[in-house]
Protein backbone atom coordinates (compact mmCIF):
# COMPACT_ATOMS: atom_id res chain seq x y z
CA UNK A 1 -21.49 -16.89 0.44
CA UNK A 2 -19.24 -13.93 -0.43
CA UNK A 3 -20.66 -13.57 -3.95
CA UNK A 4 -24.00 -13.35 -4.97
CA UNK A 5 -24.98 -16.48 -7.24
CA UNK A 6 -24.32 -15.07 -10.12
CA UNK A 7 -20.78 -13.94 -8.66
CA UNK A 8 -20.59 -10.35 -9.94
CA UNK A 9 -21.34 -8.81 -6.27
CA UNK A 10 -19.49 -9.00 -3.29
CA UNK A 11 -21.53 -9.26 0.47
CA UNK A 12 -18.91 -7.84 3.06
CA UNK A 13 -19.54 -8.08 6.99
CA UNK A 14 -18.73 -4.41 6.89
CA UNK A 15 -21.51 -1.95 5.96
CA UNK A 16 -19.89 1.09 5.11
CA UNK A 17 -22.73 3.22 5.19
CA UNK A 18 -22.93 2.60 8.98
CA UNK A 19 -19.06 3.20 9.61
CA UNK A 20 -18.20 6.71 10.23
CA UNK A 21 -14.04 7.72 10.15
CA UNK A 22 -11.93 8.52 7.39
CA UNK A 23 -12.39 7.30 3.69
CA UNK A 24 -9.18 5.82 3.19
CA UNK A 25 -9.61 3.96 6.23
CA UNK A 26 -13.58 2.12 5.45
CA UNK A 27 -12.08 1.79 1.62
CA UNK A 28 -9.10 -0.65 3.20
CA UNK A 29 -11.63 -2.65 5.62
CA UNK A 30 -13.60 -3.62 2.46
CA UNK A 31 -11.10 -4.17 0.33
CA UNK A 32 -9.39 -6.39 2.68
CA UNK A 33 -12.30 -8.12 3.56
CA UNK A 34 -12.85 -8.46 -0.08
CA UNK A 35 -9.71 -10.22 -0.74
CA UNK A 36 -9.52 -12.44 1.89
CA UNK A 37 -13.23 -13.20 1.15
CA UNK A 38 -11.94 -14.08 -2.74
CA UNK A 39 -8.77 -15.76 -1.56
CA UNK A 40 -11.03 -18.05 0.77
CA UNK A 41 -13.40 -19.09 -1.98
CA UNK A 42 -10.33 -19.49 -4.50
CA UNK A 43 -8.64 -21.49 -2.00
CA UNK A 44 -5.71 -19.34 -1.55
CA UNK A 45 -5.18 -19.22 -5.58
CA UNK A 46 -4.03 -15.71 -6.53
CA UNK A 47 -4.55 -16.04 -10.29
CA UNK A 48 -8.29 -16.89 -9.78
CA UNK A 49 -8.87 -14.75 -7.00
CA UNK A 50 -8.16 -12.25 -8.95
CA UNK A 51 -10.19 -13.20 -11.38
CA UNK A 52 -13.09 -13.15 -9.56
CA UNK A 53 -12.15 -9.39 -8.09
CA UNK A 54 -11.28 -8.70 -11.95
CA UNK A 55 -7.88 -6.66 -10.92
CA UNK A 56 -4.71 -7.65 -12.62
CA UNK A 57 -3.07 -10.96 -10.64
CA UNK A 58 0.21 -8.20 -9.47
CA UNK A 59 -2.27 -5.57 -7.88
CA UNK A 60 -4.00 -8.19 -5.71
CA UNK A 61 -0.34 -9.84 -4.76
CA UNK A 62 0.55 -6.43 -3.76
CA UNK A 63 -2.66 -5.95 -1.86
CA UNK A 64 -2.50 -9.31 -0.21
CA UNK A 65 1.16 -8.07 1.55
CA UNK A 66 -0.36 -4.59 2.05
CA UNK A 67 -3.33 -6.32 4.11
CA UNK A 68 -1.09 -9.44 5.49
CA UNK A 69 -3.94 -11.08 4.55
């Protein structure tokens, strides 16, 4: 599962504490994976995914395009 049972925390395959490199790149990797997981969980529904991520829908749309998710 990508979310904990209470849906308030995310689980990713990336452990940022083990990664070394530019902070921007690592943050983008984690962000891309979280967005992908949220979209997967909501069957591609941008509005529902944005609610899960607690970000505006327009912000999520921008990031989906930016990361080509």
